[in-house]
Amino acid sequence: MSARNFVQTGRKIIAIGRNFSEHAKELGNAVPASPFFFLKPTSSYVTSPGKIEIPASCIVHHEVELGVVIGKTGRDIKADDAYNHIAGYTLALDLTARNLQASAATSREGYAPKI
C-alpha cells in the first residue's frame, strides 16, 4: 500500500494508550505494566482542508502525534526488518472528550462484561 492513498485504502487504525506513564499519572489513571491497544474507525480520517467539529458540551483534550502508515502485512517481524513494513508517516490528532470518557468509565456503559 502506498502512503499517499492510505485514507482511501486503509482498513484500520490501531492506537496505543497509556504508553506515557507521566500522562497517565497526570490524568489520575493507573499506569499499566504495558500499554494497551485499541482501534479507531477509518471514518475518523480527516483530509486537508477538512473540518473537525467539536460539540460545545465536550471538554476536549488534544495531542498531536506521529502516525505510522504500515504498508505491508507481517507477523512476528524482527526488529531489524520493521522499517521495511513502513510505507510512510502522517500527522495524527488525538482528540478525547474527557467529560464523556469519564462519564462512560463511571457508568460502564459501552463496556463489555468481564468474563
PDB file of N, CA and C in Angstrom:
ATOM      1  N   MET A   1       0.840  -1.177   0.000  1.00  0.00           N
ATOM      2  CA  MET A   1       0.000   0.000   0.000  1.00  0.00           C
ATOM      3  C   MET A   1       0.886   1.241   0.000  1.00  0.00           C
ATOM      4  N   SER A   2       0.483   2.213  -0.767  1.00  0.00           N
ATOM      5  CA  SER A   2       1.198   3.482  -0.809  1.00  0.00           C
ATOM      6  C   SER A   2       0.717   4.377   0.329  1.00  0.00           C
ATOM      7  N   ALA A   3       1.626   5.087   0.927  1.00  0.00           N
ATOM      8  CA  ALA A   3       1.247   6.019   1.992  1.00  0.00           C
ATOM      9  C   ALA A   3       0.387   7.152   1.441  1.00  0.00           C
ATOM     10  N   ARG A   4       0.489   7.435   0.150  1.00  0.00           N
ATOM     11  CA  ARG A   4      -0.279   8.534  -0.448  1.00  0.00           C
ATOM     12  C   ARG A   4      -1.770   8.277  -0.456  1.00  0.00           C
ATOM     13  N   ASN A   5      -2.184   7.022  -0.507  1.00  0.00           N
ATOM     14  CA  ASN A   5      -3.617   6.748  -0.593  1.00  0.00           C
ATOM     15  C   ASN A   5      -4.152   5.980   0.612  1.00  0.00           C
ATOM     16  N   PHE A   6      -3.478   6.058   1.747  1.00  0.00           N
ATOM     17  CA  PHE A   6      -3.925   5.286   2.903  1.00  0.00           C
ATOM     18  C   PHE A   6      -5.310   5.697   3.377  1.00  0.00           C
ATOM     19  N   VAL A   7      -5.713   6.941   3.145  1.00  0.00           N
ATOM     20  CA  VAL A   7      -7.047   7.381   3.575  1.00  0.00           C
ATOM     21  C   VAL A   7      -8.126   6.604   2.819  1.00  0.00           C
ATOM     22  N   GLN A   8      -7.873   6.293   1.551  1.00  0.00           N
ATOM     23  CA  GLN A   8      -8.846   5.549   0.757  1.00  0.00           C
ATOM     24  C   GLN A   8      -8.732   4.035   0.977  1.00  0.00           C
ATOM     25  N   THR A   9      -7.539   3.544   1.225  1.00  0.00           N
ATOM     26  CA  THR A   9      -7.346   2.099   1.281  1.00  0.00           C
ATOM     27  C   THR A   9      -7.069   1.544   2.672  1.00  0.00           C
ATOM     28  N   GLY A  10      -6.801   2.396   3.630  1.00  0.00           N
ATOM     29  CA  GLY A  10      -6.512   1.924   4.982  1.00  0.00           C
ATOM     30  C   GLY A  10      -7.696   1.185   5.570  1.00  0.00           C
ATOM     31  N   ARG A  11      -7.428   0.067   6.239  1.00  0.00           N
ATOM     32  CA  ARG A  11      -8.508  -0.762   6.772  1.00  0.00           C
ATOM     33  C   ARG A  11      -8.726  -0.594   8.264  1.00  0.00           C
ATOM     34  N   LYS A  12      -7.724  -0.104   8.980  1.00  0.00           N
ATOM     35  CA  LYS A  12      -7.905   0.066  10.420  1.00  0.00           C
ATOM     36  C   LYS A  12      -6.874   1.028  10.983  1.00  0.00           C
ATOM     37  N   ILE A  13      -7.237   1.608  12.094  1.00  0.00           N
ATOM     38  CA  ILE A  13      -6.336   2.473  12.839  1.00  0.00           C
ATOM     39  C   ILE A  13      -6.114   1.781  14.183  1.00  0.00           C
ATOM     40  N   ILE A  14      -4.880   1.440  14.454  1.00  0.00           N
ATOM     41  CA  ILE A  14      -4.523   0.815  15.721  1.00  0.00           C
ATOM     42  C   ILE A  14      -3.830   1.876  16.558  1.00  0.00           C
ATOM     43  N   ALA A  15      -4.361   2.107  17.743  1.00  0.00           N
ATOM     44  CA  ALA A  15      -3.798   3.129  18.622  1.00  0.00           C
ATOM     45  C   ALA A  15      -3.247   2.465  19.889  1.00  0.00           C
ATOM     46  N   ILE A  16      -2.366   3.169  20.551  1.00  0.00           N
ATOM     47  CA  ILE A  16      -1.764   2.674  21.784  1.00  0.00           C
ATOM     48  C   ILE A  16      -2.088   3.660  22.898  1.00  0.00           C
ATOM     49  N   GLY A  17      -2.581   3.153  24.007  1.00  0.00           N
ATOM     50  CA  GLY A  17      -2.954   4.008  25.119  1.00  0.00           C
ATOM     51  C   GLY A  17      -2.095   3.794  26.345  1.00  0.00           C
ATOM     52  N   ARG A  18      -2.003   4.838  27.119  1.00  0.00           N
ATOM     53  CA  ARG A  18      -1.259   4.862  28.377  1.00  0.00           C
ATOM     54  C   ARG A  18       0.187   4.423  28.209  1.00  0.00           C
ATOM     55  N   ASN A  19       0.775   4.806  27.085  1.00  0.00           N
ATOM     56  CA  ASN A  19       2.176   4.465  26.864  1.00  0.00           C
ATOM     57  C   ASN A  19       3.116   5.524  27.441  1.00  0.00           C
ATOM     58  N   PHE A  20       2.574   6.644  27.897  1.00  0.00           N
ATOM     59  CA  PHE A  20       3.386   7.658  28.563  1.00  0.00           C
ATOM     60  C   PHE A  20       2.959   7.688  30.030  1.00  0.00           C
ATOM     61  N   SER A  21       3.785   7.141  30.901  1.00  0.00           N
ATOM     62  CA  SER A  21       3.393   6.997  32.301  1.00  0.00           C
ATOM     63  C   SER A  21       3.090   8.342  32.965  1.00  0.00           C
ATOM     64  N   GLU A  22       3.838   9.382  32.625  1.00  0.00           N
ATOM     65  CA  GLU A  22       3.604  10.694  33.254  1.00  0.00           C
ATOM     66  C   GLU A  22       2.228  11.240  32.868  1.00  0.00           C
ATOM     67  N   HIS A  23       1.805  11.007  31.631  1.00  0.00           N
ATOM     68  CA  HIS A  23       0.489  11.474  31.190  1.00  0.00           C
ATOM     69  C   HIS A  23      -0.612  10.688  31.904  1.00  0.00           C
ATOM     70  N   ALA A  24      -0.432   9.396  32.055  1.00  0.00           N
ATOM     71  CA  ALA A  24      -1.412   8.580  32.775  1.00  0.00           C
ATOM     72  C   ALA A  24      -1.546   9.076  34.218  1.00  0.00           C
ATOM     73  N   LYS A  25      -0.427   9.355  34.864  1.00  0.00           N
ATOM     74  CA  LYS A  25      -0.450   9.861  36.240  1.00  0.00           C
ATOM     75  C   LYS A  25      -1.146  11.218  36.319  1.00  0.00           C
ATOM     76  N   GLU A  26      -0.863  12.080  35.342  1.00  0.00           N
ATOM     77  CA  GLU A  26      -1.463  13.415  35.294  1.00  0.00           C
ATOM     78  C   GLU A  26      -2.987  13.330  35.233  1.00  0.00           C
ATOM     79  N   LEU A  27      -3.513  12.322  34.543  1.00  0.00           N
ATOM     80  CA  LEU A  27      -4.956  12.143  34.404  1.00  0.00           C
ATOM     81  C   LEU A  27      -5.559  11.330  35.545  1.00  0.00           C
ATOM     82  N   GLY A  28      -4.705  10.897  36.481  1.00  0.00           N
ATOM     83  CA  GLY A  28      -5.199  10.111  37.599  1.00  0.00           C
ATOM     84  C   GLY A  28      -5.478   8.663  37.236  1.00  0.00           C
ATOM     85  N   ASN A  29      -4.892   8.187  36.136  1.00  0.00           N
ATOM     86  CA  ASN A  29      -5.080   6.805  35.703  1.00  0.00           C
ATOM     87  C   ASN A  29      -3.967   5.931  36.257  1.00  0.00           C
ATOM     88  N   ALA A  30      -4.301   4.688  36.462  1.00  0.00           N
ATOM     89  CA  ALA A  30      -3.276   3.730  36.861  1.00  0.00           C
ATOM     90  C   ALA A  30      -2.303   3.555  35.696  1.00  0.00           C
ATOM     91  N   VAL A  31      -1.062   3.352  36.030  1.00  0.00           N
ATOM     92  CA  VAL A  31      -0.050   3.121  34.997  1.00  0.00           C
ATOM     93  C   VAL A  31       0.058   1.616  34.802  1.00  0.00           C
ATOM     94  N   PRO A  32      -0.355   1.123  33.635  1.00  0.00           N
ATOM     95  CA  PRO A  32      -0.304  -0.325  33.422  1.00  0.00           C
ATOM     96  C   PRO A  32       1.128  -0.818  33.241  1.00  0.00           C
ATOM     97  N   ALA A  33       1.310  -2.115  33.406  1.00  0.00           N
ATOM     98  CA  ALA A  33       2.631  -2.719  33.215  1.00  0.00           C
ATOM     99  C   ALA A  33       3.076  -2.567  31.760  1.00  0.00           C
ATOM    100  N   SER A  34       2.112  -2.549  30.844  1.00  0.00           N
ATOM    101  CA  SER A  34       2.427  -2.333  29.429  1.00  0.00           C
ATOM    102  C   SER A  34       1.278  -1.562  28.799  1.00  0.00           C
ATOM    103  N   PRO A  35       1.549  -0.828  27.723  1.00  0.00           N
ATOM    104  CA  PRO A  35       0.489  -0.058  27.065  1.00  0.00           C
ATOM    105  C   PRO A  35      -0.613  -0.978  26.535  1.00  0.00           C
ATOM    106  N   PHE A  36      -1.800  -0.417  26.311  1.00  0.00           N
ATOM    107  CA  PHE A  36      -2.864  -1.219  25.723  1.00  0.00           C
ATOM    108  C   PHE A  36      -3.188  -0.699  24.329  1.00  0.00           C
ATOM    109  N   PHE A  37      -3.728  -1.565  23.528  1.00  0.00           N
ATOM    110  CA  PHE A  37      -4.060  -1.242  22.145  1.00  0.00           C
ATOM    111  C   PHE A  37      -5.565  -1.109  22.002  1.00  0.00           C
ATOM    112  N   PHE A  38      -5.992  -0.209  21.123  1.00  0.00           N
ATOM    113  CA  PHE A  38      -7.411  -0.079  20.809  1.00  0.00           C
ATOM    114  C   PHE A  38      -7.544   0.364  19.363  1.00  0.00           C
ATOM    115  N   LEU A  39      -8.729   0.208  18.813  1.00  0.00           N
ATOM    116  CA  LEU A  39      -8.992   0.548  17.411  1.00  0.00           C
ATOM    117  C   LEU A  39      -9.796   1.832  17.304  1.00  0.00           C
ATOM    118  N   LYS A  40      -9.586   2.546  16.221  1.00  0.00           N
ATOM    119  CA  LYS A  40     -10.387   3.720  15.878  1.00  0.00           C
ATOM    120  C   LYS A  40     -10.944   3.474  14.482  1.00  0.00           C
ATOM    121  N   PRO A  41     -12.144   3.980  14.193  1.00  0.00           N
ATOM    122  CA  PRO A  41     -12.723   3.743  12.865  1.00  0.00           C
ATOM    123  C   PRO A  41     -12.018   4.566  11.786  1.00  0.00           C
ATOM    124  N   THR A  42     -11.945   4.003  10.590  1.00  0.00           N
ATOM    125  CA  THR A  42     -11.321   4.743   9.483  1.00  0.00           C
ATOM    126  C   THR A  42     -12.160   5.953   9.084  1.00  0.00           C
ATOM    127  N   SER A  43     -13.400   6.013   9.544  1.00  0.00           N
ATOM    128  CA  SER A  43     -14.221   7.206   9.283  1.00  0.00           C
ATOM    129  C   SER A  43     -13.680   8.417  10.040  1.00  0.00           C
ATOM    130  N   SER A  44     -12.723   8.221  10.919  1.00  0.00           N
ATOM    131  CA  SER A  44     -12.145   9.351  11.655  1.00  0.00           C
ATOM    132  C   SER A  44     -11.022  10.043  10.888  1.00  0.00           C
ATOM    133  N   TYR A  45     -10.668   9.538   9.705  1.00  0.00           N
ATOM    134  CA  TYR A  45      -9.698  10.249   8.867  1.00  0.00           C
ATOM    135  C   TYR A  45     -10.275  11.609   8.464  1.00  0.00           C
ATOM    136  N   VAL A  46      -9.471  12.640   8.532  1.00  0.00           N
ATOM    137  CA  VAL A  46      -9.868  13.968   8.053  1.00  0.00           C
ATOM    138  C   VAL A  46      -8.748  14.444   7.138  1.00  0.00           C
ATOM    139  N   THR A  47      -9.110  14.783   5.921  1.00  0.00           N
ATOM    140  CA  THR A  47      -8.098  15.257   4.978  1.00  0.00           C
ATOM    141  C   THR A  47      -8.159  16.770   4.874  1.00  0.00           C
ATOM    142  N   SER A  48      -7.074  17.363   4.448  1.00  0.00           N
ATOM    143  CA  SER A  48      -6.991  18.806   4.290  1.00  0.00           C
ATOM    144  C   SER A  48      -7.824  19.224   3.087  1.00  0.00           C
ATOM    145  N   PRO A  49      -8.618  20.233   3.155  1.00  0.00           N
ATOM    146  CA  PRO A  49      -8.867  21.185   4.239  1.00  0.00           C
ATOM    147  C   PRO A  49     -10.065  20.785   5.084  1.00  0.00           C
ATOM    148  N   GLY A  50     -10.092  19.565   5.542  1.00  0.00           N
ATOM    149  CA  GLY A  50     -11.213  19.058   6.324  1.00  0.00           C
ATOM    150  C   GLY A  50     -11.482  19.859   7.579  1.00  0.00           C
ATOM    151  N   LYS A  51     -12.597  19.564   8.188  1.00  0.00           N
ATOM    152  CA  LYS A  51     -13.041  20.319   9.348  1.00  0.00           C
ATOM    153  C   LYS A  51     -13.395  19.342  10.468  1.00  0.00           C
ATOM    154  N   ILE A  52     -12.975  19.645  11.664  1.00  0.00           N
ATOM    155  CA  ILE A  52     -13.326  18.851  12.830  1.00  0.00           C
ATOM    156  C   ILE A  52     -14.295  19.678  13.658  1.00  0.00           C
ATOM    157  N   GLU A  53     -15.468  19.132  13.869  1.00  0.00           N
ATOM    158  CA  GLU A  53     -16.479  19.849  14.650  1.00  0.00           C
ATOM    159  C   GLU A  53     -16.541  19.253  16.053  1.00  0.00           C
ATOM    160  N   ILE A  54     -16.411  20.115  17.035  1.00  0.00           N
ATOM    161  CA  ILE A  54     -16.438  19.683  18.431  1.00  0.00           C
ATOM    162  C   ILE A  54     -17.669  20.301  19.092  1.00  0.00           C
ATOM    163  N   PRO A  55     -18.585  19.459  19.588  1.00  0.00           N
ATOM    164  CA  PRO A  55     -19.779  19.996  20.252  1.00  0.00           C
ATOM    165  C   PRO A  55     -19.391  20.864  21.448  1.00  0.00           C
ATOM    166  N   ALA A  56     -20.162  21.914  21.671  1.00  0.00           N
ATOM    167  CA  ALA A  56     -19.876  22.852  22.761  1.00  0.00           C
ATOM    168  C   ALA A  56     -19.895  22.162  24.125  1.00  0.00           C
ATOM    169  N   SER A  57     -20.632  21.065  24.250  1.00  0.00           N
ATOM    170  CA  SER A  57     -20.745  20.376  25.536  1.00  0.00           C
ATOM    171  C   SER A  57     -19.546  19.485  25.851  1.00  0.00           C
ATOM    172  N   CYS A  58     -18.617  19.348  24.919  1.00  0.00           N
ATOM    173  CA  CYS A  58     -17.471  18.460  25.116  1.00  0.00           C
ATOM    174  C   CYS A  58     -16.254  19.213  25.647  1.00  0.00           C
ATOM    175  N   ILE A  59     -15.633  18.630  26.639  1.00  0.00           N
ATOM    176  CA  ILE A  59     -14.349  19.128  27.135  1.00  0.00           C
ATOM    177  C   ILE A  59     -13.295  18.262  26.462  1.00  0.00           C
ATOM    178  N   VAL A  60     -12.628  18.833  25.471  1.00  0.00           N
ATOM    179  CA  VAL A  60     -11.732  18.061  24.628  1.00  0.00           C
ATOM    180  C   VAL A  60     -10.271  18.345  24.954  1.00  0.00           C
ATOM    181  N   HIS A  61      -9.533  17.280  25.182  1.00  0.00           N
ATOM    182  CA  HIS A  61      -8.076  17.358  25.297  1.00  0.00           C
ATOM    183  C   HIS A  61      -7.509  16.889  23.980  1.00  0.00           C
ATOM    184  N   HIS A  62      -6.415  17.479  23.568  1.00  0.00           N
ATOM    185  CA  HIS A  62      -5.835  17.099  22.278  1.00  0.00           C
ATOM    186  C   HIS A  62      -4.334  16.869  22.403  1.00  0.00           C
ATOM    187  N   GLU A  63      -3.865  16.001  21.532  1.00  0.00           N
ATOM    188  CA  GLU A  63      -2.436  15.739  21.415  1.00  0.00           C
ATOM    189  C   GLU A  63      -2.119  15.596  19.934  1.00  0.00           C
ATOM    190  N   VAL A  64      -0.999  16.111  19.525  1.00  0.00           N
ATOM    191  CA  VAL A  64      -0.522  15.917  18.159  1.00  0.00           C
ATOM    192  C   VAL A  64       0.444  14.751  18.209  1.00  0.00           C
ATOM    193  N   GLU A  65       0.225  13.790  17.343  1.00  0.00           N
ATOM    194  CA  GLU A  65       1.025  12.582  17.367  1.00  0.00           C
ATOM    195  C   GLU A  65       1.527  12.235  15.973  1.00  0.00           C
ATOM    196  N   LEU A  66       2.508  11.372  15.931  1.00  0.00           N
ATOM    197  CA  LEU A  66       3.035  10.865  14.673  1.00  0.00           C
ATOM    198  C   LEU A  66       2.328   9.555  14.363  1.00  0.00           C
ATOM    199  N   GLY A  67       1.665   9.499  13.195  1.00  0.00           N
ATOM    200  CA  GLY A  67       1.026   8.265  12.750  1.00  0.00           C
ATOM    201  C   GLY A  67       1.974   7.522  11.824  1.00  0.00           C
ATOM    202  N   VAL A  68       2.055   6.225  11.986  1.00  0.00           N
ATOM    203  CA  VAL A  68       2.900   5.395  11.132  1.00  0.00           C
ATOM    204  C   VAL A  68       1.980   4.611  10.206  1.00  0.00           C
ATOM    205  N   VAL A  69       2.190   4.737   8.897  1.00  0.00           N
ATOM    206  CA  VAL A  69       1.384   4.022   7.912  1.00  0.00           C
ATOM    207  C   VAL A  69       2.115   2.724   7.582  1.00  0.00           C
ATOM    208  N   ILE A  70       1.470   1.612   7.924  1.00  0.00           N
ATOM    209  CA  ILE A  70       2.058   0.301   7.657  1.00  0.00           C
ATOM    210  C   ILE A  70       1.663  -0.093   6.237  1.00  0.00           C
ATOM    211  N   GLY A  71       2.648  -0.425   5.418  1.00  0.00           N
ATOM    212  CA  GLY A  71       2.395  -0.667   4.008  1.00  0.00           C
ATOM    213  C   GLY A  71       2.317  -2.113   3.576  1.00  0.00           C
ATOM    214  N   LYS A  72       2.731  -3.030   4.440  1.00  0.00           N
ATOM    215  CA  LYS A  72       2.607  -4.437   4.070  1.00  0.00           C
ATOM    216  C   LYS A  72       2.380  -5.268   5.317  1.00  0.00           C
ATOM    217  N   THR A  73       1.740  -6.396   5.115  1.00  0.00           N
ATOM    218  CA  THR A  73       1.394  -7.241   6.248  1.00  0.00           C
ATOM    219  C   THR A  73       2.613  -7.981   6.765  1.00  0.00           C
ATOM    220  N   GLY A  74       2.470  -8.490   7.959  1.00  0.00           N
ATOM    221  CA  GLY A  74       3.559  -9.254   8.543  1.00  0.00           C
ATOM    222  C   GLY A  74       3.143  -9.846   9.871  1.00  0.00           C
ATOM    223  N   ARG A  75       3.958 -10.717  10.361  1.00  0.00           N
ATOM    224  CA  ARG A  75       3.700 -11.357  11.650  1.00  0.00           C
ATOM    225  C   ARG A  75       5.046 -11.741  12.251  1.00  0.00           C
ATOM    226  N   ASP A  76       5.180 -11.559  13.548  1.00  0.00           N
ATOM    227  CA  ASP A  76       6.432 -11.890  14.233  1.00  0.00           C
ATOM    228  C   ASP A  76       7.629 -11.257  13.518  1.00  0.00           C
ATOM    229  N   ILE A  77       7.500  -9.985  13.228  1.00  0.00           N
ATOM    230  CA  ILE A  77       8.517  -9.252  12.460  1.00  0.00           C
ATOM    231  C   ILE A  77       9.718  -8.956  13.357  1.00  0.00           C
ATOM    232  N   LYS A  78      10.873  -9.232  12.874  1.00  0.00           N
ATOM    233  CA  LYS A  78      12.109  -8.950  13.616  1.00  0.00           C
ATOM    234  C   LYS A  78      12.349  -7.444  13.610  1.00  0.00           C
ATOM    235  N   ALA A  79      12.906  -6.943  14.684  1.00  0.00           N
ATOM    236  CA  ALA A  79      13.157  -5.501  14.812  1.00  0.00           C
ATOM    237  C   ALA A  79      13.957  -4.967  13.628  1.00  0.00           C
ATOM    238  N   ASP A  80      14.923  -5.738  13.150  1.00  0.00           N
ATOM    239  CA  ASP A  80      15.751  -5.296  12.016  1.00  0.00           C
ATOM    240  C   ASP A  80      14.957  -5.145  10.726  1.00  0.00           C
ATOM    241  N   ASP A  81      13.814  -5.801  10.631  1.00  0.00           N
ATOM    242  CA  ASP A  81      13.007  -5.784   9.408  1.00  0.00           C
ATOM    243  C   ASP A  81      11.788  -4.858   9.513  1.00  0.00           C
ATOM    244  N   ALA A  82      11.544  -4.290  10.692  1.00  0.00           N
ATOM    245  CA  ALA A  82      10.330  -3.496  10.917  1.00  0.00           C
ATOM    246  C   ALA A  82      10.202  -2.312   9.964  1.00  0.00           C
ATOM    247  N   TYR A  83      11.288  -1.603   9.709  1.00  0.00           N
ATOM    248  CA  TYR A  83      11.211  -0.428   8.841  1.00  0.00           C
ATOM    249  C   TYR A  83      10.803  -0.777   7.414  1.00  0.00           C
ATOM    250  N   ASN A  84      11.016  -2.016   7.000  1.00  0.00           N
ATOM    251  CA  ASN A  84      10.608  -2.434   5.655  1.00  0.00           C
ATOM    252  C   ASN A  84       9.095  -2.521   5.502  1.00  0.00           C
ATOM    253  N   HIS A  85       8.365  -2.456   6.607  1.00  0.00           N
ATOM    254  CA  HIS A  85       6.903  -2.528   6.577  1.00  0.00           C
ATOM    255  C   HIS A  85       6.266  -1.146   6.644  1.00  0.00           C
ATOM    256  N   ILE A  86       7.059  -0.107   6.844  1.00  0.00           N
ATOM    257  CA  ILE A  86       6.536   1.255   6.961  1.00  0.00           C
ATOM    258  C   ILE A  86       6.448   1.892   5.578  1.00  0.00           C
ATOM    259  N   ALA A  87       5.215   2.323   5.215  1.00  0.00           N
ATOM    260  CA  ALA A  87       5.006   2.987   3.927  1.00  0.00           C
ATOM    261  C   ALA A  87       5.210   4.495   4.044  1.00  0.00           C
ATOM    262  N   GLY A  88       5.024   5.044   5.232  1.00  0.00           N
ATOM    263  CA  GLY A  88       5.187   6.483   5.423  1.00  0.00           C
ATOM    264  C   GLY A  88       4.670   6.916   6.782  1.00  0.00           C
ATOM    265  N   TYR A  89       4.532   8.206   6.937  1.00  0.00           N
ATOM    266  CA  TYR A  89       4.115   8.793   8.204  1.00  0.00           C
ATOM    267  C   TYR A  89       3.033   9.831   7.943  1.00  0.00           C
ATOM    268  N   THR A  90       2.251  10.115   8.963  1.00  0.00           N
ATOM    269  CA  THR A  90       1.196  11.109   8.838  1.00  0.00           C
ATOM    270  C   THR A  90       1.008  11.835  10.168  1.00  0.00           C
ATOM    271  N   LEU A  91       0.424  13.002  10.094  1.00  0.00           N
ATOM    272  CA  LEU A  91       0.074  13.750  11.293  1.00  0.00           C
ATOM    273  C   LEU A  91      -1.189  13.128  11.880  1.00  0.00           C
ATOM    274  N   ALA A  92      -1.193  12.883  13.160  1.00  0.00           N
ATOM    275  CA  ALA A  92      -2.360  12.310  13.825  1.00  0.00           C
ATOM    276  C   ALA A  92      -2.772  13.237  14.962  1.00  0.00           C
ATOM    277  N   LEU A  93      -4.043  13.524  15.042  1.00  0.00           N
ATOM    278  CA  LEU A  93      -4.585  14.337  16.131  1.00  0.00           C
ATOM    279  C   LEU A  93      -5.389  13.423  17.041  1.00  0.00           C
ATOM    280  N   ASP A  94      -4.998  13.354  18.283  1.00  0.00           N
ATOM    281  CA  ASP A  94      -5.725  12.555  19.263  1.00  0.00           C
ATOM    282  C   ASP A  94      -6.637  13.515  20.010  1.00  0.00           C
ATOM    283  N   LEU A  95      -7.929  13.408  19.749  1.00  0.00           N
ATOM    284  CA  LEU A  95      -8.920  14.252  20.410  1.00  0.00           C
ATOM    285  C   LEU A  95      -9.758  13.373  21.325  1.00  0.00           C
ATOM    286  N   THR A  96      -9.826  13.722  22.605  1.00  0.00           N
ATOM    287  CA  THR A  96     -10.590  12.932  23.562  1.00  0.00           C
ATOM    288  C   THR A  96     -11.543  13.843  24.314  1.00  0.00           C
ATOM    289  N   ALA A  97     -12.822  13.502  24.278  1.00  0.00           N
ATOM    290  CA  ALA A  97     -13.834  14.232  25.056  1.00  0.00           C
ATOM    291  C   ALA A  97     -13.756  13.693  26.478  1.00  0.00           C
ATOM    292  N   ARG A  98     -12.977  14.344  27.306  1.00  0.00           N
ATOM    293  CA  ARG A  98     -12.695  13.833  28.654  1.00  0.00           C
ATOM    294  C   ARG A  98     -13.970  13.700  29.498  1.00  0.00           C
ATOM    295  N   ASN A  99     -14.903  14.635  29.367  1.00  0.00           N
ATOM    296  CA  ASN A  99     -16.124  14.538  30.167  1.00  0.00           C
ATOM    297  C   ASN A  99     -16.946  13.312  29.756  1.00  0.00           C
ATOM    298  N   LEU A 100     -16.993  12.992  28.467  1.00  0.00           N
ATOM    299  CA  LEU A 100     -17.718  11.807  28.030  1.00  0.00           C
ATOM    300  C   LEU A 100     -16.974  10.535  28.423  1.00  0.00           C
ATOM    301  N   GLN A 101     -15.667  10.577  28.339  1.00  0.00           N
ATOM    302  CA  GLN A 101     -14.845   9.431  28.721  1.00  0.00           C
ATOM    303  C   GLN A 101     -15.034   9.124  30.204  1.00  0.00           C
ATOM    304  N   ALA A 102     -15.011  10.151  31.032  1.00  0.00           N
ATOM    305  CA  ALA A 102     -15.174   9.961  32.484  1.00  0.00           C
ATOM    306  C   ALA A 102     -16.564   9.426  32.804  1.00  0.00           C
ATOM    307  N   SER A 103     -17.574   9.955  32.126  1.00  0.00           N
ATOM    308  CA  SER A 103     -18.946   9.504  32.351  1.00  0.00           C
ATOM    309  C   SER A 103     -19.116   8.039  31.960  1.00  0.00           C
ATOM    310  N   ALA A 104     -18.559   7.651  30.822  1.00  0.00           N
ATOM    311  CA  ALA A 104     -18.663   6.263  30.364  1.00  0.00           C
ATOM    312  C   ALA A 104     -17.917   5.322  31.307  1.00  0.00           C
ATOM    313  N   ALA A 105     -16.768   5.740  31.787  1.00  0.00           N
ATOM    314  CA  ALA A 105     -15.983   4.890  32.682  1.00  0.00           C
ATOM    315  C   ALA A 105     -16.700   4.693  34.013  1.00  0.00           C
ATOM    316  N   THR A 106     -17.375   5.728  34.481  1.00  0.00           N
ATOM    317  CA  THR A 106     -18.098   5.641  35.749  1.00  0.00           C
ATOM    318  C   THR A 106     -19.333   4.763  35.622  1.00  0.00           C
ATOM    319  N   SER A 107     -20.075   4.931  34.531  1.00  0.00           N
ATOM    320  CA  SER A 107     -21.310   4.185  34.349  1.00  0.00           C
ATOM    321  C   SER A 107     -21.078   2.800  33.759  1.00  0.00           C
ATOM    322  N   ARG A 108     -19.905   2.612  33.152  1.00  0.00           N
ATOM    323  CA  ARG A 108     -19.517   1.374  32.481  1.00  0.00           C
ATOM    324  C   ARG A 108     -20.368   1.119  31.240  1.00  0.00           C
ATOM    325  N   GLU A 109     -21.102   2.137  30.761  1.00  0.00           N
ATOM    326  CA  GLU A 109     -21.864   1.989  29.516  1.00  0.00           C
ATOM    327  C   GLU A 109     -20.887   1.822  28.373  1.00  0.00           C
ATOM    328  N   GLY A 110     -21.219   0.942  27.469  1.00  0.00           N
ATOM    329  CA  GLY A 110     -20.378   0.727  26.313  1.00  0.00           C
ATOM    330  C   GLY A 110     -19.232  -0.241  26.568  1.00  0.00           C
ATOM    331  N   TYR A 111     -19.155  -0.769  27.760  1.00  0.00           N
ATOM    332  CA  TYR A 111     -18.111  -1.725  28.089  1.00  0.00           C
ATOM    333  C   TYR A 111     -18.688  -3.133  28.063  1.00  0.00           C
ATOM    334  N   ALA A 112     -17.934  -4.053  27.541  1.00  0.00           N
ATOM    335  CA  ALA A 112     -18.367  -5.446  27.520  1.00  0.00           C
ATOM    336  C   ALA A 112     -18.219  -6.021  28.928  1.00  0.00           C
ATOM    337  N   PRO A 113     -19.089  -6.949  29.290  1.00  0.00           N
ATOM    338  CA  PRO A 113     -18.969  -7.551  30.623  1.00  0.00           C
ATOM    339  C   PRO A 113     -17.693  -8.377  30.744  1.00  0.00           C
ATOM    340  N   LYS A 114     -17.142  -8.407  31.931  1.00  0.00           N
ATOM    341  CA  LYS A 114     -15.950  -9.228  32.171  1.00  0.00           C
ATOM    342  C   LYS A 114     -16.367 -10.684  32.283  1.00  0.00           C
ATOM    343  N   ILE A 115     -15.599 -11.527  31.666  1.00  0.00           N
ATOM    344  CA  ILE A 115     -15.910 -12.960  31.702  1.00  0.00           C
ATOM    345  C   ILE A 115     -14.910 -13.676  32.575  1.00  0.00           C
TER     346      ILE A 115
END
